[in-house]
Every structure is written in structure tokens, then in C-alpha cells.
């Protein structure tokens, strides 16, 4: 299994096929399997890479500021690539992608932000519930993460991911979101950027992506109908088509 060495530890990532690289970064309480549909769809034309951030999936936890360690994870994998990649992030993953983009690594060619925001404040009640009643917090998050007509198997998959990563990691992830704010730095992002948001996204509403669109000069924005926050699962076919078109243009 491929691993990148980061600060005395290592980060697991999967890599499929060959071609121009597309690197996927998951969000809170998830792991690299979040992107299975995208990896399957894009691997015919691109080299697809999906990462387990430290403390998630097969990557051991590292101490330090959560968001900064996650950005280091992604930068470490980018450094292993032979050519610039498209960096794709969802929710907390979108915060990580923006943080990485602001560091301006040489092997970064384009950005894709799903369910994103330049600031990701979390309701204090949710932060408290994650620490005091983990099962209840998971159900709250699921309620806010999907379109009302979501299939039961997607709910169960998301629930299992959060349970597997555990209470401490979910708390760490959401607190990392809560502290994220680059609203005054978006003008520094000059890479081609694709913004995607589910029409019924309750965690990062459409207006968050509209703000990003207005601040990032070379950006395009699409609203995905009949989808909530986890648009990569709820509207995989539509999302995959948009990803393929964007990556084909800019890589």
C-alpha cells in the first residue's frame, strides 16, 4: 500500500491507473472510501489518488493543530507526484484544499471544492453533543448531510464511517472546521477552481459557494439538484461528469 512519510509518521493513500493526477481529500469523520464512485468513474482517464488523513482509516494520528496536520498530509502526497494535480476536497476537505492552495505548492494545477466555505463555523450545540452523546451527534449530522429522499444504504455507509473513526476524531474534525476562516485571503487563490454544492445542502449552504465564486477569480460554480451536503454520493453521475470535464480542461 502506498504511504507518504510525514513528520516521522506516514499517510496511507490509494492510487489507481495512470495519467494526469486527481487527488481526493475527504471530510469530517470519513476516509478515502468516500470517493469510491469518483475513483471508479475517473480512473479510465486520470490517475486517481485518495488519501486517509491522519487519524482516519489506515493513517495513524499525529499530534498538532488538526487542520495544519491535515494540510501537511496532503502536501506530503502531492510531493510524491510527477506532475501537477487537481486537488478535490469535500467539507473539511475543502478547507484543507484551500489551506494547501494558499501554501502555493508547485505541483498543484487546479482545485475542486465541494460543500465548501471560506469559513466553516459549527453550531456550539453540535460540538457539545459530539463530546457528550456520540450516537446522537451522528444522527444529527446525518440529518443535515443528505437530501430527504436519500437511500438507506448511503445513510448506513456514512454512519459506519463516523463510528469507525470514533468520537475523538469526529470532535477533532468539527473543531478544525469551526476554527477555519480564510475569507480575507481568497484573492490569493489564482488556480482554476470548480465549486460544487448540493441544492439542499444544510451544512454548507449554497450561499457559501456563491461567496467563494465571487472571491476566486478563475472559478466556476454549479448547483447540484436533488442533493444535500454529501453530493459525491447522492449525485455521483452528475458530479463525475462535471469533474471529468473540468479536469480534462485544466490538467
C-alpha atoms as a PDB file:
ATOM      1  CA  UNK A   1       0.000   0.000   0.000  1.00  0.00           C
ATOM      2  CA  UNK A   2       1.436   3.440  -0.891  1.00  0.00           C
ATOM      3  CA  UNK A   3       2.425   5.622   2.047  1.00  0.00           C
ATOM      4  CA  UNK A   4       3.879   9.100   2.251  1.00  0.00           C
ATOM      5  CA  UNK A   5       6.253   9.905   5.117  1.00  0.00           C
ATOM      6  CA  UNK A   6       5.076  12.912   7.116  1.00  0.00           C
ATOM      7  CA  UNK A   7       6.817  14.291  10.199  1.00  0.00           C
ATOM      8  CA  UNK A   8       8.090  10.930  11.427  1.00  0.00           C
ATOM      9  CA  UNK A   9       4.813   9.165  10.635  1.00  0.00           C
ATOM     10  CA  UNK A  10       3.104   8.011   7.441  1.00  0.00           C
ATOM     11  CA  UNK A  11      -0.070   8.634   5.487  1.00  0.00           C
ATOM     12  CA  UNK A  12      -1.931   5.944   3.580  1.00  0.00           C
ATOM     13  CA  UNK A  13      -3.240   6.694   0.123  1.00  0.00           C
ATOM     14  CA  UNK A  14      -4.616   4.596  -2.709  1.00  0.00           C
ATOM     15  CA  UNK A  15      -3.610   5.205  -6.292  1.00  0.00           C
ATOM     16  CA  UNK A  16      -5.375   3.901  -9.392  1.00  0.00           C
ATOM     17  CA  UNK A  17      -4.446   3.910 -13.079  1.00  0.00           C
ATOM     18  CA  UNK A  18      -2.129   6.414 -14.780  1.00  0.00           C
ATOM     19  CA  UNK A  19      -2.302   9.793 -16.440  1.00  0.00           C
ATOM     20  CA  UNK A  20      -2.799  13.262 -15.032  1.00  0.00           C
ATOM     21  CA  UNK A  21      -3.281  13.037 -11.238  1.00  0.00           C
ATOM     22  CA  UNK A  22      -6.516  13.859  -9.387  1.00  0.00           C
ATOM     23  CA  UNK A  23      -6.143  13.795  -5.585  1.00  0.00           C
ATOM     24  CA  UNK A  24      -9.241  13.433  -3.369  1.00  0.00           C
ATOM     25  CA  UNK A  25      -9.438  14.707   0.242  1.00  0.00           C
ATOM     26  CA  UNK A  26     -12.285  13.508   2.472  1.00  0.00           C
ATOM     27  CA  UNK A  27     -14.167  15.464   5.118  1.00  0.00           C
ATOM     28  CA  UNK A  28     -15.025  15.066   8.805  1.00  0.00           C
ATOM     29  CA  UNK A  29     -15.337  11.541  10.158  1.00  0.00           C
ATOM     30  CA  UNK A  30     -14.708   9.945   6.761  1.00  0.00           C
ATOM     31  CA  UNK A  31     -11.845   8.213   4.959  1.00  0.00           C
ATOM     32  CA  UNK A  32     -10.644   7.623   1.420  1.00  0.00           C
ATOM     33  CA  UNK A  33     -13.557   5.276   0.631  1.00  0.00           C
ATOM     34  CA  UNK A  34     -15.832   8.340   0.456  1.00  0.00           C
ATOM     35  CA  UNK A  35     -14.583   8.796  -3.108  1.00  0.00           C
ATOM     36  CA  UNK A  36     -15.111   5.261  -4.423  1.00  0.00           C
ATOM     37  CA  UNK A  37     -17.632   6.376  -7.058  1.00  0.00           C
ATOM     38  CA  UNK A  38     -15.338   9.129  -8.326  1.00  0.00           C
ATOM     39  CA  UNK A  39     -12.255   6.886  -8.381  1.00  0.00           C
ATOM     40  CA  UNK A  40     -14.155   4.277 -10.360  1.00  0.00           C
ATOM     41  CA  UNK A  41     -15.508   6.809 -12.865  1.00  0.00           C
ATOM     42  CA  UNK A  42     -12.326   8.818 -13.442  1.00  0.00           C
ATOM     43  CA  UNK A  43      -9.670   6.096 -13.384  1.00  0.00           C
ATOM     44  CA  UNK A  44     -10.152   5.354 -17.091  1.00  0.00           C
ATOM     45  CA  UNK A  45      -8.763   8.784 -17.966  1.00  0.00           C
ATOM     46  CA  UNK A  46      -6.810  10.009 -14.931  1.00  0.00           C
ATOM     47  CA  UNK A  47      -4.525   8.797 -12.174  1.00  0.00           C
ATOM     48  CA  UNK A  48      -6.863   8.908  -9.164  1.00  0.00           C
ATOM     49  CA  UNK A  49      -5.451   9.206  -5.649  1.00  0.00           C
ATOM     50  CA  UNK A  50      -7.473   9.188  -2.430  1.00  0.00           C
ATOM     51  CA  UNK A  51      -5.950   9.853   0.965  1.00  0.00           C
ATOM     52  CA  UNK A  52      -6.703   8.798   4.551  1.00  0.00           C
ATOM     53  CA  UNK A  53      -5.935  11.893   6.627  1.00  0.00           C
ATOM     54  CA  UNK A  54      -4.003  11.206   9.827  1.00  0.00           C
ATOM     55  CA  UNK A  55      -6.212   9.568  12.451  1.00  0.00           C
ATOM     56  CA  UNK A  56      -8.616   8.278   9.778  1.00  0.00           C
ATOM     57  CA  UNK A  57      -8.790   4.932   8.022  1.00  0.00           C
ATOM     58  CA  UNK A  58      -5.318   3.414   7.733  1.00  0.00           C
ATOM     59  CA  UNK A  59      -3.324   6.533   8.702  1.00  0.00           C
ATOM     60  CA  UNK A  60      -2.098   6.886  12.311  1.00  0.00           C
ATOM     61  CA  UNK A  61      -2.924  10.019  14.284  1.00  0.00           C
ATOM     62  CA  UNK A  62      -0.318  12.772  14.597  1.00  0.00           C
ATOM     63  CA  UNK A  63      -0.282  15.418  17.298  1.00  0.00           C
ATOM     64  CA  UNK A  64      -0.600  19.082  16.468  1.00  0.00           C
ATOM     65  CA  UNK A  65      -3.142  21.538  15.130  1.00  0.00           C
ATOM     66  CA  UNK A  66      -5.614  19.349  13.250  1.00  0.00           C
ATOM     67  CA  UNK A  67      -6.071  21.477  10.138  1.00  0.00           C
ATOM     68  CA  UNK A  68      -2.356  22.089   9.759  1.00  0.00           C
ATOM     69  CA  UNK A  69      -1.508  18.397  10.126  1.00  0.00           C
ATOM     70  CA  UNK A  70      -4.147  17.530   7.537  1.00  0.00           C
ATOM     71  CA  UNK A  71      -2.703  20.109   5.133  1.00  0.00           C
ATOM     72  CA  UNK A  72       0.748  18.601   5.720  1.00  0.00           C
ATOM     73  CA  UNK A  73      -0.684  15.173   4.880  1.00  0.00           C
ATOM     74  CA  UNK A  74      -1.926  16.422   1.524  1.00  0.00           C
ATOM     75  CA  UNK A  75       1.265  18.347   0.760  1.00  0.00           C
ATOM     76  CA  UNK A  76       3.268  15.212   1.525  1.00  0.00           C
ATOM     77  CA  UNK A  77       1.309  13.186  -1.019  1.00  0.00           C
ATOM     78  CA  UNK A  78       1.485  15.983  -3.611  1.00  0.00           C
ATOM     79  CA  UNK A  79       5.272  15.914  -3.305  1.00  0.00           C
ATOM     80  CA  UNK A  80       5.285  12.267  -4.442  1.00  0.00           C
ATOM     81  CA  UNK A  81       3.610  13.151  -7.751  1.00  0.00           C
ATOM     82  CA  UNK A  82       5.489  13.584 -11.010  1.00  0.00           C
ATOM     83  CA  UNK A  83       3.271  16.417 -12.292  1.00  0.00           C
ATOM     84  CA  UNK A  84       0.674  18.932 -11.066  1.00  0.00           C
ATOM     85  CA  UNK A  85      -2.628  17.528  -9.804  1.00  0.00           C
ATOM     86  CA  UNK A  86      -6.212  18.602  -9.460  1.00  0.00           C
ATOM     87  CA  UNK A  87      -6.948  18.691  -5.720  1.00  0.00           C
ATOM     88  CA  UNK A  88     -10.530  17.790  -4.766  1.00  0.00           C
ATOM     89  CA  UNK A  89     -11.899  18.353  -1.243  1.00  0.00           C
ATOM     90  CA  UNK A  90     -15.275  17.990   0.454  1.00  0.00           C
ATOM     91  CA  UNK A  91     -16.412  19.986   3.514  1.00  0.00           C
ATOM     92  CA  UNK A  92     -13.459  19.854   5.946  1.00  0.00           C
ATOM     93  CA  UNK A  93     -11.553  18.551   2.927  1.00  0.00           C
ATOM     94  CA  UNK A  94     -12.404  21.793   1.112  1.00  0.00           C
ATOM     95  CA  UNK A  95     -10.865  23.757   3.990  1.00  0.00           C
ATOM     96  CA  UNK A  96      -7.749  21.612   3.674  1.00  0.00           C
ATOM     97  CA  UNK A  97      -7.626  22.200  -0.094  1.00  0.00           C
ATOM     98  CA  UNK A  98      -7.878  25.968   0.406  1.00  0.00           C
ATOM     99  CA  UNK A  99      -5.148  25.844   3.063  1.00  0.00           C
ATOM    100  CA  UNK A 100      -2.902  23.865   0.709  1.00  0.00           C
ATOM    101  CA  UNK A 101      -3.641  26.212  -2.200  1.00  0.00           C
ATOM    102  CA  UNK A 102      -2.620  29.211  -0.094  1.00  0.00           C
ATOM    103  CA  UNK A 103       0.745  27.495   0.508  1.00  0.00           C
ATOM    104  CA  UNK A 104       1.194  27.528  -3.301  1.00  0.00           C
ATOM    105  CA  UNK A 105       2.918  24.157  -3.871  1.00  0.00           C
ATOM    106  CA  UNK A 106       4.425  23.767  -7.343  1.00  0.00           C
ATOM    107  CA  UNK A 107       2.611  20.524  -8.179  1.00  0.00           C
ATOM    108  CA  UNK A 108      -0.896  21.953  -7.854  1.00  0.00           C
ATOM    109  CA  UNK A 109      -2.748  22.677 -11.085  1.00  0.00           C
ATOM    110  CA  UNK A 110      -6.445  23.071 -10.234  1.00  0.00           C
ATOM    111  CA  UNK A 111      -8.900  22.953  -7.315  1.00  0.00           C
ATOM    112  CA  UNK A 112     -12.331  21.391  -6.806  1.00  0.00           C
ATOM    113  CA  UNK A 113     -14.309  22.430  -3.722  1.00  0.00           C
ATOM    114  CA  UNK A 114     -17.471  20.501  -2.790  1.00  0.00           C
ATOM    115  CA  UNK A 115     -19.791  21.548   0.027  1.00  0.00           C
ATOM    116  CA  UNK A 116     -17.298  24.286   0.757  1.00  0.00           C
ATOM    117  CA  UNK A 117     -16.959  27.581   2.554  1.00  0.00           C
ATOM    118  CA  UNK A 118     -14.281  30.154   3.277  1.00  0.00           C
ATOM    119  CA  UNK A 119     -15.439  29.989   6.898  1.00  0.00           C
ATOM    120  CA  UNK A 120     -16.941  26.846   8.434  1.00  0.00           C
ATOM    121  CA  UNK A 121     -18.381  27.757  11.814  1.00  0.00           C
ATOM    122  CA  UNK A 122     -20.067  24.819  13.591  1.00  0.00           C
ATOM    123  CA  UNK A 123     -23.075  25.257  15.869  1.00  0.00           C
ATOM    124  CA  UNK A 124     -21.903  25.039  19.521  1.00  0.00           C
ATOM    125  CA  UNK A 125     -24.692  22.556  20.272  1.00  0.00           C
ATOM    126  CA  UNK A 126     -23.289  20.107  17.732  1.00  0.00           C
ATOM    127  CA  UNK A 127     -19.752  20.433  19.104  1.00  0.00           C
ATOM    128  CA  UNK A 128     -21.070  19.772  22.613  1.00  0.00           C
ATOM    129  CA  UNK A 129     -23.217  16.836  21.513  1.00  0.00           C
ATOM    130  CA  UNK A 130     -20.313  15.144  19.719  1.00  0.00           C
ATOM    131  CA  UNK A 131     -18.463  15.043  23.040  1.00  0.00           C
ATOM    132  CA  UNK A 132     -21.413  14.227  25.300  1.00  0.00           C
ATOM    133  CA  UNK A 133     -23.582  11.889  23.191  1.00  0.00           C
ATOM    134  CA  UNK A 134     -21.714  10.436  20.202  1.00  0.00           C
ATOM    135  CA  UNK A 135     -24.623   8.357  18.754  1.00  0.00           C
ATOM    136  CA  UNK A 136     -26.979  11.337  18.939  1.00  0.00           C
ATOM    137  CA  UNK A 137     -24.407  13.578  17.269  1.00  0.00           C
ATOM    138  CA  UNK A 138     -24.010  11.127  14.393  1.00  0.00           C
ATOM    139  CA  UNK A 139     -27.756  11.151  13.751  1.00  0.00           C
ATOM    140  CA  UNK A 140     -27.800  14.963  13.856  1.00  0.00           C
ATOM    141  CA  UNK A 141     -25.000  15.093  11.282  1.00  0.00           C
ATOM    142  CA  UNK A 142     -26.731  12.535   9.057  1.00  0.00           C
ATOM    143  CA  UNK A 143     -29.950  14.568   9.239  1.00  0.00           C
ATOM    144  CA  UNK A 144     -28.131  17.639   7.959  1.00  0.00           C
ATOM    145  CA  UNK A 145     -25.935  15.848   5.434  1.00  0.00           C
ATOM    146  CA  UNK A 146     -28.400  14.314   2.976  1.00  0.00           C
ATOM    147  CA  UNK A 147     -31.375  15.130   0.797  1.00  0.00           C
ATOM    148  CA  UNK A 148     -34.639  13.907   2.390  1.00  0.00           C
ATOM    149  CA  UNK A 149     -35.006  11.190  -0.256  1.00  0.00           C
ATOM    150  CA  UNK A 150     -31.570   9.680   0.438  1.00  0.00           C
ATOM    151  CA  UNK A 151     -31.194   5.921   0.075  1.00  0.00           C
ATOM    152  CA  UNK A 152     -30.881   3.989   3.332  1.00  0.00           C
ATOM    153  CA  UNK A 153     -27.602   2.388   2.273  1.00  0.00           C
ATOM    154  CA  UNK A 154     -25.934   5.805   1.935  1.00  0.00           C
ATOM    155  CA  UNK A 155     -27.034   6.747   5.433  1.00  0.00           C
ATOM    156  CA  UNK A 156     -25.668   3.499   6.810  1.00  0.00           C
ATOM    157  CA  UNK A 157     -22.387   3.899   4.959  1.00  0.00           C
ATOM    158  CA  UNK A 158     -21.886   7.409   6.366  1.00  0.00           C
ATOM    159  CA  UNK A 159     -22.869   6.262   9.859  1.00  0.00           C
ATOM    160  CA  UNK A 160     -20.406   3.367   9.738  1.00  0.00           C
ATOM    161  CA  UNK A 161     -17.560   5.670   8.639  1.00  0.00           C
ATOM    162  CA  UNK A 162     -18.100   8.031  11.579  1.00  0.00           C
ATOM    163  CA  UNK A 163     -18.377   5.168  14.063  1.00  0.00           C
ATOM    164  CA  UNK A 164     -15.203   3.565  12.691  1.00  0.00           C
ATOM    165  CA  UNK A 165     -13.167   6.765  13.012  1.00  0.00           C
ATOM    166  CA  UNK A 166     -14.518   7.346  16.509  1.00  0.00           C
ATOM    167  CA  UNK A 167     -15.758  10.111  18.761  1.00  0.00           C
ATOM    168  CA  UNK A 168     -12.409  11.805  19.373  1.00  0.00           C
ATOM    169  CA  UNK A 169     -11.678  12.145  15.665  1.00  0.00           C
ATOM    170  CA  UNK A 170     -15.150  13.464  14.870  1.00  0.00           C
ATOM    171  CA  UNK A 171     -14.720  16.097  17.578  1.00  0.00           C
ATOM    172  CA  UNK A 172     -11.247  16.987  16.280  1.00  0.00           C
ATOM    173  CA  UNK A 173     -12.545  17.313  12.723  1.00  0.00           C
ATOM    174  CA  UNK A 174     -15.511  19.523  13.547  1.00  0.00           C
ATOM    175  CA  UNK A 175     -13.396  21.751  15.781  1.00  0.00           C
ATOM    176  CA  UNK A 176     -10.954  22.106  12.873  1.00  0.00           C
ATOM    177  CA  UNK A 177     -13.900  23.230  10.716  1.00  0.00           C
ATOM    178  CA  UNK A 178     -15.054  25.642  13.405  1.00  0.00           C
ATOM    179  CA  UNK A 179     -11.661  27.358  13.502  1.00  0.00           C
ATOM    180  CA  UNK A 180     -11.273  27.655   9.735  1.00  0.00           C
ATOM    181  CA  UNK A 181     -11.542  31.131   8.206  1.00  0.00           C
ATOM    182  CA  UNK A 182      -9.778  32.357   5.047  1.00  0.00           C
ATOM    183  CA  UNK A 183     -12.424  34.865   3.983  1.00  0.00           C
ATOM    184  CA  UNK A 184      -9.825  37.635   3.711  1.00  0.00           C
ATOM    185  CA  UNK A 185      -7.336  35.546   1.705  1.00  0.00           C
ATOM    186  CA  UNK A 186      -9.409  34.155  -1.159  1.00  0.00           C
ATOM    187  CA  UNK A 187      -7.968  36.690  -3.573  1.00  0.00           C
ATOM    188  CA  UNK A 188      -4.643  34.866  -3.223  1.00  0.00           C
ATOM    189  CA  UNK A 189      -6.109  31.762  -4.863  1.00  0.00           C
ATOM    190  CA  UNK A 190      -5.406  32.077  -8.579  1.00  0.00           C
ATOM    191  CA  UNK A 191      -5.730  28.458  -9.745  1.00  0.00           C
ATOM    192  CA  UNK A 192      -8.703  27.281 -11.847  1.00  0.00           C
ATOM    193  CA  UNK A 193     -11.361  26.301  -9.307  1.00  0.00           C
ATOM    194  CA  UNK A 194     -14.550  24.272  -9.668  1.00  0.00           C
ATOM    195  CA  UNK A 195     -17.197  24.877  -6.979  1.00  0.00           C
ATOM    196  CA  UNK A 196     -19.983  22.329  -6.466  1.00  0.00           C
ATOM    197  CA  UNK A 197     -22.810  22.382  -3.931  1.00  0.00           C
ATOM    198  CA  UNK A 198     -25.982  20.366  -3.392  1.00  0.00           C
ATOM    199  CA  UNK A 199     -29.123  22.459  -3.726  1.00  0.00           C
ATOM    200  CA  UNK A 200     -30.382  21.183  -0.354  1.00  0.00           C
ATOM    201  CA  UNK A 201     -27.040  21.390   1.479  1.00  0.00           C
ATOM    202  CA  UNK A 202     -27.806  22.339   5.093  1.00  0.00           C
ATOM    203  CA  UNK A 203     -24.247  22.217   6.459  1.00  0.00           C
ATOM    204  CA  UNK A 204     -22.602  24.436   3.837  1.00  0.00           C
ATOM    205  CA  UNK A 205     -25.488  26.227   2.096  1.00  0.00           C
ATOM    206  CA  UNK A 206     -25.332  27.442  -1.483  1.00  0.00           C
ATOM    207  CA  UNK A 207     -24.545  30.996  -0.339  1.00  0.00           C
ATOM    208  CA  UNK A 208     -21.168  29.764   0.981  1.00  0.00           C
ATOM    209  CA  UNK A 209     -20.150  28.627  -2.503  1.00  0.00           C
ATOM    210  CA  UNK A 210     -21.557  31.805  -4.043  1.00  0.00           C
ATOM    211  CA  UNK A 211     -19.207  33.803  -1.809  1.00  0.00           C
ATOM    212  CA  UNK A 212     -16.271  31.676  -2.956  1.00  0.00           C
ATOM    213  CA  UNK A 213     -17.302  32.182  -6.585  1.00  0.00           C
ATOM    214  CA  UNK A 214     -17.306  35.953  -6.128  1.00  0.00           C
ATOM    215  CA  UNK A 215     -13.874  35.969  -4.483  1.00  0.00           C
ATOM    216  CA  UNK A 216     -11.864  33.421  -6.513  1.00  0.00           C
ATOM    217  CA  UNK A 217     -11.098  34.970  -9.880  1.00  0.00           C
ATOM    218  CA  UNK A 218     -10.786  31.859 -12.060  1.00  0.00           C
ATOM    219  CA  UNK A 219     -13.747  29.865 -10.728  1.00  0.00           C
ATOM    220  CA  UNK A 220     -16.936  28.250 -11.960  1.00  0.00           C
ATOM    221  CA  UNK A 221     -19.900  27.188  -9.834  1.00  0.00           C
ATOM    222  CA  UNK A 222     -22.560  24.510 -10.301  1.00  0.00           C
ATOM    223  CA  UNK A 223     -25.525  23.758  -8.035  1.00  0.00           C
ATOM    224  CA  UNK A 224     -26.406  20.050  -7.982  1.00  0.00           C
ATOM    225  CA  UNK A 225     -30.161  19.472  -7.805  1.00  0.00           C
ATOM    226  CA  UNK A 226     -31.766  16.847  -5.556  1.00  0.00           C
ATOM    227  CA  UNK A 227     -28.665  16.563  -3.364  1.00  0.00           C
ATOM    228  CA  UNK A 228     -27.555  17.691   0.067  1.00  0.00           C
ATOM    229  CA  UNK A 229     -24.098  18.011   1.590  1.00  0.00           C
ATOM    230  CA  UNK A 230     -22.671  14.638   0.502  1.00  0.00           C
ATOM    231  CA  UNK A 231     -23.146  15.366  -3.157  1.00  0.00           C
ATOM    232  CA  UNK A 232     -20.422  12.929  -4.282  1.00  0.00           C
ATOM    233  CA  UNK A 233     -22.650  10.061  -3.100  1.00  0.00           C
ATOM    234  CA  UNK A 234     -26.130  11.449  -3.744  1.00  0.00           C
ATOM    235  CA  UNK A 235     -25.475  12.675  -7.294  1.00  0.00           C
ATOM    236  CA  UNK A 236     -22.391  10.708  -8.283  1.00  0.00           C
ATOM    237  CA  UNK A 237     -23.079  10.566 -12.027  1.00  0.00           C
ATOM    238  CA  UNK A 238     -23.679  14.311 -12.369  1.00  0.00           C
ATOM    239  CA  UNK A 239     -20.689  15.106 -10.194  1.00  0.00           C
ATOM    240  CA  UNK A 240     -18.407  12.726 -12.063  1.00  0.00           C
ATOM    241  CA  UNK A 241     -19.326  14.308 -15.407  1.00  0.00           C
ATOM    242  CA  UNK A 242     -18.504  17.786 -14.080  1.00  0.00           C
ATOM    243  CA  UNK A 243     -15.224  16.563 -12.584  1.00  0.00           C
ATOM    244  CA  UNK A 244     -14.191  14.843 -15.791  1.00  0.00           C
ATOM    245  CA  UNK A 245     -14.913  17.905 -17.910  1.00  0.00           C
ATOM    246  CA  UNK A 246     -13.080  20.266 -15.546  1.00  0.00           C
ATOM    247  CA  UNK A 247     -10.012  18.064 -15.094  1.00  0.00           C
ATOM    248  CA  UNK A 248      -9.783  17.412 -18.831  1.00  0.00           C
ATOM    249  CA  UNK A 249      -9.721  21.165 -19.416  1.00  0.00           C
ATOM    250  CA  UNK A 250      -7.147  22.173 -16.800  1.00  0.00           C
ATOM    251  CA  UNK A 251      -4.748  19.237 -16.410  1.00  0.00           C
END
